[in-house]
Amino acid sequence: MTRNKDKYNENHNHRRQQIFMSAEDLAAGKKPQWSGLEITGYVRNISPQLWAFEHLTTLYLNENMLLRLSSDIGMLTNLRVLDVSSNKLRSLPAELGELVNLRELLLNNNFLRALPHEIGKLFHLQVLGLHGNPLQKEIINIYNEPNGTQKLLTYLLDNLTITAPPPPQRPWIPLARPNKQRPACIFTVMCYNVLCDKYATRQMYGYCPSWALEWDYRKKAIIDEIRHYSADIISLQFSLIKEHLIEFNQLAMANAEGSDDMLNRVMPKDNIGLAALLKVKESAWEPMNPEVTQISQPILVCTAHIHWDPEFCDVKLIQTMMLSNELKTIIDEANCSFRPGHKFDSNILSSGRVAMDHMDFKERLYKSCLQRLLSNETNEFTHGFKLASAYSEDIMPYTNYTHDFKGIIDYIFYTKTGMVPLGLLGPISQDWLRENKVFGCPHPHIPSDHFPLLVELELTHTASQQPPNGLINRR
């Protein structure tokens, strides 16, 4: 997801924006609202009550006689501007690193010889004032380089000791017991957005040390996690029959006639889907049954990355429609079962239908070019997959966890006819995230901004096989 820092105007003078209530305002009962505070007058000590003003966004303590700052300053997490210039500070509390919303930190003209590495956690910082301090030469040299503030923040964060322990094992949540009265194939499937290397940058994830964003570092943790869970869909409990590449921009081009929006909005997006047609191995069925072993039970597994941007919800909707149509073609040709996973429009997949006047189309002119996808009898798109999501919001409150966004954008869907979820991997510990103040991933202990999903499914065999069973992994 795009995580652009909001613009910060360095010439913005907050003091000049002060507004004083008039007598008329007071007489009218208007209540004061203030988010900034300035304390001046050669003050030597700050009242502890100041740190309770958690609503503050600007705090000016400059031109005083302060010798130290309380560690409780870390409670002012809404601060965007902090000025403690022209005091007598010789050190800074590590808790300054908790003020992750800071855009401006002015420390000029003090007696600072070193900076706490925790300042590197201030990834929103735009302005850092250090002039007039007897700082170490290494710090000064980095600071004076072009783009020195960002380089110094990276240096400090990269050298910050990681004190947080690894997160505890995620719990396994049982959902149902297998039915021993009929032949069944029990297997697990994992959905894991491992975060593309080219997107794992300090510009996107400024709260993560650069060494923890390196692919070689993350790759080891990702592989260890995949091996730990050892999902059957990865260890080839199935044998491959055929694979399919689904390119949404090519589908958009093929269906663009009569719609400029299809060409201008849908076609430029380079999202893809992958579908694999699998066959269950005979040894996977339990209990073994001579009749069952004679059946080559095919399963279609699909993983796709649908365009995520809320501003392009119409693109997301159309890509899901096109994917569903392509999967139906594959299923009809193979007479198989279907089983999706990873990132689709969850409402369409669950409900099986969407009207052409749906609000997500944004009243754009897609109907003519999507006409062949519509139901013959109604003015809507439908599919007959009968899908359900293995995960619910009650179990997994978010699958994507960054500083700016926390929500569910990863799914595993399965065919309700012929498949039963027996259990799934639960969420990461909320206590661990809170106690270690992990407000976004990737993290040195978590290699992606997405948490892997893992589901155990029971594929049952009945005398009258229905096409098709299926899985969709969605991101």
Protein backbone atom coordinates (compact mmCIF):
# COMPACT_ATOMS: atom_id res chain seq x y z
CA MET A 1 0.00 0.00 0.00
CA THR A 2 1.19 3.54 -0.68
CA ARG A 3 2.29 5.20 2.50
CA ASN A 4 3.35 8.71 1.43
CA LYS A 5 4.30 11.04 4.24
CA ASP A 6 2.02 14.03 4.42
CA LYS A 7 3.63 17.26 3.37
CA TYR A 8 5.22 19.28 6.13
CA ASN A 9 5.79 22.97 5.50
CA GLU A 10 9.13 23.87 7.01
CA ASN A 11 8.24 27.57 6.89
CA HIS A 12 5.15 26.98 8.96
CA ASN A 13 5.33 29.28 12.00
CA HIS A 14 3.05 27.78 14.62
CA ARG A 15 3.34 30.72 17.01
CA ARG A 16 1.80 33.04 14.44
CA GLN A 17 -1.29 30.89 14.24
CA GLN A 18 -2.39 31.50 17.79
CA ILE A 19 -6.00 32.61 18.09
CA PHE A 20 -7.26 34.31 21.24
CA MET A 21 -10.87 34.14 22.28
CA SER A 22 -12.70 37.42 22.27
CA ALA A 23 -15.05 38.67 24.95
CA GLU A 24 -17.90 37.96 22.57
CA ASP A 25 -16.81 34.34 22.22
CA LEU A 26 -16.67 33.93 25.97
CA ALA A 27 -20.07 35.57 26.39
CA ALA A 28 -21.51 33.22 23.79
CA GLY A 29 -20.27 30.25 25.79
CA LYS A 30 -17.70 29.18 23.21
CA LYS A 31 -15.27 26.67 24.67
CA PRO A 32 -11.53 27.04 24.12
CA GLN A 33 -9.70 24.49 22.02
CA TRP A 34 -5.95 24.37 22.09
CA SER A 35 -3.37 21.87 20.92
CA GLY A 36 -0.19 23.91 21.34
CA LEU A 37 1.71 25.11 24.40
CA GLU A 38 4.67 27.45 24.88
CA ILE A 39 6.56 27.73 28.16
CA THR A 40 9.16 30.45 28.42
CA GLY A 41 10.91 32.63 31.01
CA TYR A 42 14.17 30.84 31.89
CA VAL A 43 12.26 27.94 33.43
CA ARG A 44 14.43 25.35 35.22
CA ASN A 45 11.85 22.67 36.02
CA ILE A 46 8.73 21.41 34.26
CA SER A 47 5.66 20.34 36.20
CA PRO A 48 4.94 16.59 35.82
CA GLN A 49 1.35 17.55 35.00
CA LEU A 50 2.53 18.70 31.57
CA TRP A 51 3.05 15.09 30.46
CA ALA A 52 -0.65 14.40 30.99
CA PHE A 53 -1.58 16.77 28.14
CA GLU A 54 -1.62 13.99 25.59
CA HIS A 55 -3.67 16.07 23.15
CA LEU A 56 -0.76 18.43 22.47
CA THR A 57 0.54 18.56 18.91
CA THR A 58 3.05 21.41 19.40
CA LEU A 59 5.23 22.09 22.44
CA TYR A 60 7.75 24.92 22.76
CA LEU A 61 10.18 24.71 25.67
CA ASN A 62 12.98 26.65 24.00
CA GLU A 63 15.03 29.45 25.57
CA ASN A 64 14.79 28.17 29.11
CA MET A 65 17.26 26.71 31.62
CA LEU A 66 16.27 23.05 31.45
CA LEU A 67 18.98 20.55 32.42
CA ARG A 68 16.99 17.44 31.53
CA LEU A 69 13.76 16.19 30.01
CA SER A 70 11.61 13.70 31.87
CA SER A 71 11.21 10.24 30.36
CA ASP A 72 7.46 10.89 30.68
CA ILE A 73 7.69 13.08 27.60
CA GLY A 74 7.14 9.83 25.71
CA MET A 75 3.48 10.05 26.75
CA LEU A 76 2.88 12.98 24.38
CA THR A 77 2.46 10.71 21.38
CA ASN A 78 0.43 13.25 19.36
CA LEU A 79 3.26 15.79 19.21
CA ARG A 80 4.18 16.92 15.73
CA VAL A 81 6.49 19.77 16.77
CA LEU A 82 8.87 19.81 19.75
CA ASP A 83 11.30 22.68 20.30
CA VAL A 84 13.76 22.44 23.21
CA SER A 85 16.44 24.63 21.65
CA SER A 86 18.60 26.98 23.73
CA ASN A 87 18.49 25.11 27.02
CA LYS A 88 21.23 23.37 29.00
CA LEU A 89 20.44 19.78 28.03
CA ARG A 90 23.36 17.34 28.19
CA SER A 91 21.39 14.21 27.34
CA LEU A 92 18.01 13.17 26.00
CA PRO A 93 15.65 10.43 27.23
CA ALA A 94 15.30 7.35 25.06
CA GLU A 95 11.53 7.83 25.31
CA LEU A 96 11.76 10.56 22.68
CA GLY A 97 11.65 7.68 20.24
CA GLU A 98 8.02 7.04 21.20
CA LEU A 99 6.94 10.33 19.61
CA VAL A 100 6.60 8.76 16.18
CA ASN A 101 4.27 11.50 14.90
CA LEU A 102 6.95 14.18 15.22
CA ARG A 103 7.61 16.18 12.07
CA GLU A 104 9.92 18.75 13.65
CA LEU A 105 12.41 18.24 16.49
CA LEU A 106 14.59 21.23 17.38
CA LEU A 107 17.53 20.56 19.71
CA ASN A 108 19.77 23.47 18.71
CA ASN A 109 22.13 25.22 21.13
CA ASN A 110 22.34 22.73 23.97
CA PHE A 111 25.24 20.69 25.39
CA LEU A 112 24.45 17.38 23.71
CA ARG A 113 27.41 15.10 23.00
CA ALA A 114 25.39 12.07 21.88
CA LEU A 115 21.92 11.21 20.65
CA PRO A 116 19.88 8.22 21.83
CA HIS A 117 19.55 5.67 19.04
CA GLU A 118 15.81 5.66 19.71
CA ILE A 119 15.54 8.95 17.80
CA GLY A 120 15.95 6.79 14.70
CA LYS A 121 12.40 5.56 15.32
CA LEU A 122 11.01 9.00 14.40
CA PHE A 123 10.36 8.00 10.79
CA HIS A 124 7.97 10.90 10.11
CA LEU A 125 10.58 13.49 11.06
CA GLN A 126 11.13 16.17 8.42
CA VAL A 127 13.17 18.75 10.34
CA LEU A 128 15.89 17.96 12.89
CA GLY A 129 17.78 20.86 14.45
CA LEU A 130 21.18 19.95 15.95
CA HIS A 131 23.29 23.06 15.43
CA GLY A 132 25.24 24.43 18.36
CA ASN A 133 25.83 21.09 20.12
CA PRO A 134 29.24 19.43 20.78
CA LEU A 135 28.10 16.20 19.11
CA GLN A 136 30.38 13.36 18.06
CA LYS A 137 32.11 13.96 14.75
CA GLU A 138 30.50 10.90 13.16
CA ILE A 139 27.02 12.25 13.93
CA ILE A 140 27.86 15.73 12.65
CA ASN A 141 29.34 14.37 9.41
CA ILE A 142 26.22 12.35 8.62
CA TYR A 143 23.95 15.25 9.58
CA ASN A 144 25.79 17.65 7.25
CA GLU A 145 25.47 15.39 4.21
CA PRO A 146 22.76 16.02 1.60
CA ASN A 147 19.50 14.61 2.98
CA GLY A 148 21.40 14.37 6.25
CA THR A 149 18.36 14.18 8.52
CA GLN A 150 17.05 11.00 6.87
CA LYS A 151 20.52 9.47 6.69
CA LEU A 152 21.07 10.16 10.38
CA LEU A 153 17.71 8.63 11.31
CA THR A 154 18.61 5.52 9.31
CA TYR A 155 22.01 5.32 11.00
CA LEU A 156 20.50 5.64 14.48
CA LEU A 157 17.75 3.09 13.84
CA ASP A 158 20.14 0.60 12.24
CA ASN A 159 22.34 0.75 15.34
CA LEU A 160 19.50 0.55 17.86
CA THR A 161 19.69 -2.62 19.94
CA ILE A 162 16.62 -4.81 19.47
CA THR A 163 15.35 -5.65 22.94
CA ALA A 164 11.97 -7.12 21.99
CA PRO A 165 11.81 -10.92 22.25
CA PRO A 166 10.42 -12.91 19.31
CA PRO A 167 6.62 -13.12 19.30
CA PRO A 168 5.07 -16.22 20.88
CA GLN A 169 3.79 -18.98 18.64
CA ARG A 170 0.46 -18.17 17.07
CA PRO A 171 -2.31 -20.42 18.42
CA TRP A 172 -3.95 -23.17 16.42
CA ILE A 173 -7.73 -22.77 16.47
CA PRO A 174 -9.77 -25.96 15.90
CA LEU A 175 -13.05 -25.48 14.03
CA ALA A 176 -14.40 -28.99 13.43
CA ARG A 177 -13.55 -32.67 13.76
CA PRO A 178 -12.88 -34.82 10.70
CA ASN A 179 -15.64 -37.18 9.64
CA LYS A 180 -14.24 -40.73 9.97
CA GLN A 181 -17.33 -42.28 8.42
CA ARG A 182 -16.37 -41.41 4.85
CA PRO A 183 -13.19 -41.20 2.78
CA ALA A 184 -11.54 -37.81 3.07
CA CYS A 185 -8.34 -36.02 2.17
CA ILE A 186 -7.10 -33.73 4.94
CA PHE A 187 -4.55 -31.12 3.94
CA THR A 188 -3.31 -27.63 4.82
CA VAL A 189 -2.93 -24.56 2.64
CA MET A 190 -0.97 -21.38 3.35
CA CYS A 191 -1.58 -17.88 2.03
CA TYR A 192 1.42 -15.60 2.58
CA ASN A 193 2.19 -12.23 1.03
CA VAL A 194 5.92 -12.11 1.68
CA LEU A 195 6.33 -8.45 0.54
CA CYS A 196 8.08 -7.86 -2.76
CA ASP A 197 11.73 -6.88 -2.37
CA LYS A 198 11.39 -3.69 -4.42
CA TYR A 199 8.67 -2.41 -2.08
CA ALA A 200 10.60 -3.19 1.12
CA THR A 201 12.28 0.21 1.40
CA ARG A 202 12.88 2.77 4.12
CA GLN A 203 10.66 5.16 2.18
CA MET A 204 7.76 2.74 2.59
CA TYR A 205 8.61 1.32 6.01
CA GLY A 206 10.66 3.98 7.78
CA TYR A 207 10.02 2.41 11.18
CA CYS A 208 11.99 -0.73 10.25
CA PRO A 209 15.82 -0.88 10.28
CA SER A 210 17.29 -1.07 6.79
CA TRP A 211 19.11 -4.33 7.58
CA ALA A 212 15.77 -5.94 8.53
CA LEU A 213 14.34 -4.92 5.14
CA GLU A 214 17.12 -6.57 3.16
CA TRP A 215 15.86 -9.54 1.16
CA ASP A 216 18.59 -11.90 2.36
CA TYR A 217 17.56 -11.22 5.97
CA ARG A 218 13.81 -11.47 5.35
CA LYS A 219 14.14 -14.47 3.04
CA LYS A 220 15.62 -16.64 5.77
CA ALA A 221 12.81 -15.79 8.19
CA ILE A 222 10.18 -16.35 5.50
CA ILE A 223 11.60 -19.73 4.49
CA ASP A 224 11.89 -20.77 8.15
CA GLU A 225 8.23 -19.86 8.65
CA ILE A 226 7.08 -21.75 5.56
CA ARG A 227 9.07 -24.81 6.63
CA HIS A 228 7.74 -24.56 10.18
CA TYR A 229 4.11 -24.72 9.08
CA SER A 230 4.89 -27.12 6.21
CA ALA A 231 1.60 -26.62 4.41
CA ASP A 232 0.64 -29.48 2.11
CA ILE A 233 -0.06 -27.17 -0.76
CA ILE A 234 3.66 -26.27 -0.67
CA SER A 235 5.03 -29.75 0.02
CA LEU A 236 3.05 -31.09 -2.98
CA GLN A 237 0.49 -33.34 -1.36
CA PHE A 238 -0.99 -32.95 -4.83
CA SER A 239 0.50 -33.59 -8.25
CA LEU A 240 0.35 -30.82 -10.85
CA ILE A 241 -1.89 -31.38 -13.86
CA LYS A 242 -1.78 -27.94 -15.48
CA GLU A 243 -0.98 -24.35 -14.57
CA HIS A 244 -2.51 -21.11 -15.88
CA LEU A 245 -1.27 -17.50 -15.88
CA ILE A 246 -4.04 -14.89 -15.68
CA GLU A 247 -2.91 -11.39 -16.68
CA PHE A 248 -5.56 -8.78 -15.87
CA ASN A 249 -4.16 -6.10 -18.16
CA GLN A 250 -4.42 -8.49 -21.12
CA LEU A 251 -7.98 -9.38 -20.16
CA ALA A 252 -8.82 -5.69 -19.83
CA MET A 253 -7.44 -4.99 -23.29
CA ALA A 254 -9.43 -7.87 -24.75
CA ASN A 255 -12.63 -6.53 -23.16
CA ALA A 256 -12.05 -2.80 -23.60
CA GLU A 257 -14.28 -2.17 -26.59
CA GLY A 258 -16.68 0.66 -25.83
CA SER A 259 -15.03 1.78 -22.57
CA ASP A 260 -12.23 4.31 -22.18
CA ASP A 261 -12.26 3.60 -18.45
CA MET A 262 -11.33 -0.02 -19.12
CA LEU A 263 -8.28 1.15 -21.08
CA ASN A 264 -7.30 4.03 -18.80
CA ARG A 265 -8.02 2.57 -15.36
CA VAL A 266 -8.01 -1.24 -15.56
CA MET A 267 -5.52 -2.05 -18.31
CA PRO A 268 -2.47 -0.17 -16.82
CA LYS A 269 -2.56 -2.22 -13.61
CA ASP A 270 -0.09 -5.11 -13.80
CA ASN A 271 -1.72 -7.44 -11.27
CA ILE A 272 -1.79 -11.14 -12.09
CA GLY A 273 -3.34 -14.36 -10.90
CA LEU A 274 -1.94 -17.89 -10.98
CA ALA A 275 -4.09 -20.99 -11.16
CA ALA A 276 -2.87 -24.56 -10.81
CA LEU A 277 -4.90 -27.65 -11.57
CA LEU A 278 -3.96 -30.37 -9.09
CA LYS A 279 -4.84 -34.03 -8.61
CA VAL A 280 -5.16 -35.63 -5.19
CA LYS A 281 -2.74 -38.51 -4.72
CA GLU A 282 -4.33 -41.83 -3.88
CA SER A 283 -2.30 -42.12 -0.68
CA ALA A 284 -3.86 -38.90 0.62
CA TRP A 285 -7.30 -40.48 1.12
CA GLU A 286 -8.18 -41.88 4.54
CA PRO A 287 -9.53 -44.37 5.19
CA MET A 288 -8.33 -46.07 2.03
CA ASN A 289 -11.22 -47.13 -0.16
CA PRO A 290 -10.87 -49.13 -3.41
CA GLU A 291 -13.59 -47.08 -5.07
CA VAL A 292 -12.01 -43.80 -4.11
CA THR A 293 -8.51 -44.69 -5.24
CA GLN A 294 -9.82 -45.19 -8.76
CA ILE A 295 -10.89 -41.56 -8.89
CA SER A 296 -8.51 -38.80 -9.94
CA GLN A 297 -9.96 -36.00 -7.85
CA PRO A 298 -8.87 -32.71 -9.48
CA ILE A 299 -8.66 -29.46 -7.53
CA LEU A 300 -8.15 -25.99 -8.94
CA VAL A 301 -6.06 -23.74 -6.69
CA CYS A 302 -5.77 -20.04 -7.48
CA THR A 303 -3.70 -17.27 -5.95
CA ALA A 304 -4.06 -13.68 -7.12
CA HIS A 305 -3.03 -10.17 -6.21
CA ILE A 306 -5.91 -7.83 -6.99
CA HIS A 307 -5.39 -4.06 -7.15
CA TRP A 308 -5.76 -2.76 -3.60
CA ASP A 309 -6.16 1.04 -3.89
CA PRO A 310 -9.58 2.18 -2.52
CA GLU A 311 -9.57 4.96 -5.12
CA PHE A 312 -9.70 2.22 -7.76
CA CYS A 313 -12.40 0.04 -6.21
CA ASP A 314 -13.90 -0.28 -9.71
CA VAL A 315 -10.64 -1.83 -10.93
CA LYS A 316 -10.64 -4.26 -8.01
CA LEU A 317 -14.22 -5.25 -8.79
CA ILE A 318 -13.60 -5.77 -12.50
CA GLN A 319 -10.41 -7.75 -11.92
CA THR A 320 -12.34 -10.06 -9.59
CA MET A 321 -15.07 -10.49 -12.20
CA MET A 322 -12.55 -11.26 -14.94
CA LEU A 323 -10.71 -13.70 -12.70
CA SER A 324 -13.93 -15.51 -11.80
CA ASN A 325 -14.80 -15.80 -15.48
CA GLU A 326 -11.35 -17.20 -16.34
CA LEU A 327 -11.56 -19.73 -13.51
CA LYS A 328 -14.98 -20.85 -14.69
CA THR A 329 -13.49 -21.49 -18.14
CA ILE A 330 -10.69 -23.58 -16.63
CA ILE A 331 -13.13 -25.53 -14.46
CA ASP A 332 -15.50 -26.24 -17.33
CA GLU A 333 -12.63 -27.56 -19.43
CA ALA A 334 -11.27 -29.76 -16.63
CA ASN A 335 -14.56 -30.72 -14.95
CA CYS A 336 -12.83 -30.24 -11.59
CA SER A 337 -13.22 -28.79 -8.10
CA PHE A 338 -12.31 -25.24 -7.22
CA ARG A 339 -10.52 -23.75 -4.29
CA PRO A 340 -9.29 -20.09 -4.16
CA GLY A 341 -6.82 -18.10 -1.95
CA HIS A 342 -5.24 -14.58 -1.61
CA LYS A 343 -6.66 -11.17 -2.66
CA PHE A 344 -10.05 -10.84 -4.33
CA ASP A 345 -13.17 -8.79 -3.79
CA SER A 346 -14.42 -10.82 -0.85
CA ASN A 347 -18.05 -9.68 -1.15
CA ILE A 348 -18.39 -10.94 -4.72
CA LEU A 349 -16.77 -14.26 -3.93
CA SER A 350 -18.93 -14.86 -0.87
CA SER A 351 -22.26 -13.66 -2.29
CA GLY A 352 -21.72 -15.00 -5.81
CA ARG A 353 -23.19 -11.92 -7.51
CA VAL A 354 -22.77 -8.21 -8.14
CA ALA A 355 -25.16 -5.81 -9.89
CA MET A 356 -23.85 -3.61 -12.68
CA ASP A 357 -25.11 -0.54 -10.82
CA HIS A 358 -23.00 -1.43 -7.76
CA MET A 359 -21.52 1.67 -6.14
CA ASP A 360 -17.95 0.36 -6.54
CA PHE A 361 -18.24 0.82 -10.30
CA LYS A 362 -18.33 4.57 -9.56
CA GLU A 363 -20.95 5.06 -12.30
CA ARG A 364 -18.26 4.49 -14.92
CA LEU A 365 -19.18 3.05 -18.31
CA TYR A 366 -18.16 -0.58 -18.04
CA LYS A 367 -21.43 -2.32 -18.82
CA SER A 368 -20.99 -2.56 -22.58
CA CYS A 369 -17.51 -4.08 -22.44
CA LEU A 370 -18.47 -6.49 -19.64
CA GLN A 371 -21.68 -7.59 -21.31
CA ARG A 372 -20.40 -11.08 -22.08
CA LEU A 373 -19.66 -11.66 -18.38
CA LEU A 374 -23.21 -10.85 -17.28
CA SER A 375 -25.96 -13.32 -16.54
CA ASN A 376 -28.31 -13.79 -19.48
CA GLU A 377 -31.39 -13.24 -17.39
CA THR A 378 -30.38 -10.40 -15.08
CA ASN A 379 -28.39 -7.22 -15.20
CA GLU A 380 -25.74 -8.61 -12.90
CA PHE A 381 -22.59 -10.69 -12.80
CA THR A 382 -22.82 -14.07 -11.07
CA HIS A 383 -20.65 -17.09 -10.45
CA GLY A 384 -21.55 -20.52 -9.11
CA PHE A 385 -18.51 -21.30 -6.99
CA LYS A 386 -20.35 -21.38 -3.62
CA LEU A 387 -17.35 -20.02 -1.73
CA ALA A 388 -16.81 -19.19 1.92
CA SER A 389 -13.95 -17.46 3.71
CA ALA A 390 -12.02 -19.67 6.12
CA TYR A 391 -11.10 -16.68 8.30
CA SER A 392 -13.49 -14.28 9.99
CA GLU A 393 -12.82 -10.85 11.43
CA ASP A 394 -13.55 -12.20 14.91
CA ILE A 395 -10.61 -14.60 14.61
CA MET A 396 -8.18 -12.44 12.64
CA PRO A 397 -8.77 -8.67 13.10
CA TYR A 398 -6.12 -7.81 10.52
CA THR A 399 -3.86 -9.60 8.08
CA ASN A 400 -1.92 -6.48 7.02
CA TYR A 401 -0.23 -4.55 9.84
CA THR A 402 1.59 -1.29 9.13
CA HIS A 403 1.80 2.02 10.94
CA ASP A 404 -0.72 3.66 8.61
CA PHE A 405 -3.03 0.74 7.87
CA LYS A 406 -4.25 -2.27 9.79
CA GLY A 407 -6.94 -4.38 8.19
CA ILE A 408 -8.00 -7.58 6.46
CA ILE A 409 -6.85 -7.76 2.84
CA ASP A 410 -5.75 -11.42 2.69
CA TYR A 411 -8.19 -14.30 2.46
CA ILE A 412 -8.48 -18.02 1.89
CA PHE A 413 -11.74 -19.03 0.23
CA TYR A 414 -12.86 -22.61 -0.20
CA THR A 415 -15.75 -24.40 -1.89
CA LYS A 416 -18.51 -25.03 0.62
CA THR A 417 -19.64 -28.16 -1.23
CA GLY A 418 -17.12 -30.89 -0.54
CA MET A 419 -14.75 -28.99 1.75
CA VAL A 420 -14.82 -28.38 5.50
CA PRO A 421 -12.30 -26.22 7.42
CA LEU A 422 -11.02 -28.20 10.42
CA GLY A 423 -8.75 -25.56 11.93
CA LEU A 424 -6.68 -22.50 11.24
CA LEU A 425 -3.72 -20.50 12.48
CA GLY A 426 -4.77 -17.78 14.91
CA PRO A 427 -3.62 -14.14 15.14
CA ILE A 428 -0.31 -12.83 16.38
CA SER A 429 -0.27 -11.96 20.08
CA GLN A 430 -1.84 -8.55 20.72
CA ASP A 431 -0.02 -8.41 24.05
CA TRP A 432 3.34 -8.85 22.30
CA LEU A 433 2.58 -6.04 19.84
CA ARG A 434 1.44 -3.71 22.62
CA GLU A 435 4.13 -4.48 25.19
CA ASN A 436 6.94 -4.12 22.66
CA LYS A 437 5.35 -1.10 20.98
CA VAL A 438 5.38 -2.70 17.57
CA PHE A 439 3.19 -0.29 15.64
CA GLY A 440 4.00 -1.59 12.19
CA CYS A 441 5.61 -4.41 10.23
CA PRO A 442 8.01 -5.48 8.80
CA HIS A 443 9.94 -5.76 12.05
CA PRO A 444 13.23 -7.51 12.87
CA HIS A 445 11.13 -10.42 14.15
CA ILE A 446 8.42 -10.26 11.44
CA PRO A 447 9.68 -10.34 7.83
CA SER A 448 6.57 -9.02 6.05
CA ASP A 449 3.83 -6.48 6.59
CA HIS A 450 1.37 -9.36 6.09
CA PHE A 451 0.77 -12.25 8.45
CA PRO A 452 0.57 -15.72 6.85
CA LEU A 453 -2.76 -17.53 6.87
CA LEU A 454 -2.90 -21.30 7.32
CA VAL A 455 -6.01 -23.47 7.11
CA GLU A 456 -6.54 -27.22 7.48
CA LEU A 457 -9.27 -28.47 5.16
CA GLU A 458 -11.09 -31.75 4.75
CA LEU A 459 -11.88 -32.70 1.16
CA THR A 460 -14.60 -35.32 1.15
CA HIS A 461 -15.50 -37.85 -1.52
CA THR A 462 -19.09 -38.68 -2.29
CA ALA A 463 -20.54 -41.17 -4.73
CA SER A 464 -21.75 -38.40 -7.02
CA GLN A 465 -18.80 -36.12 -7.54
CA GLN A 466 -19.77 -32.52 -8.19
CA PRO A 467 -17.51 -30.22 -10.13
CA PRO A 468 -15.61 -28.50 -8.78
CA ASN A 469 -13.77 -28.15 -5.46
CA GLY A 470 -11.51 -25.17 -5.14
CA LEU A 471 -9.36 -22.81 -3.17
CA ILE A 472 -8.62 -19.15 -3.66
CA ASN A 473 -5.77 -17.42 -1.88
CA ARG A 474 -6.30 -13.72 -2.05
CA ARG A 475 -4.08 -10.72 -1.45
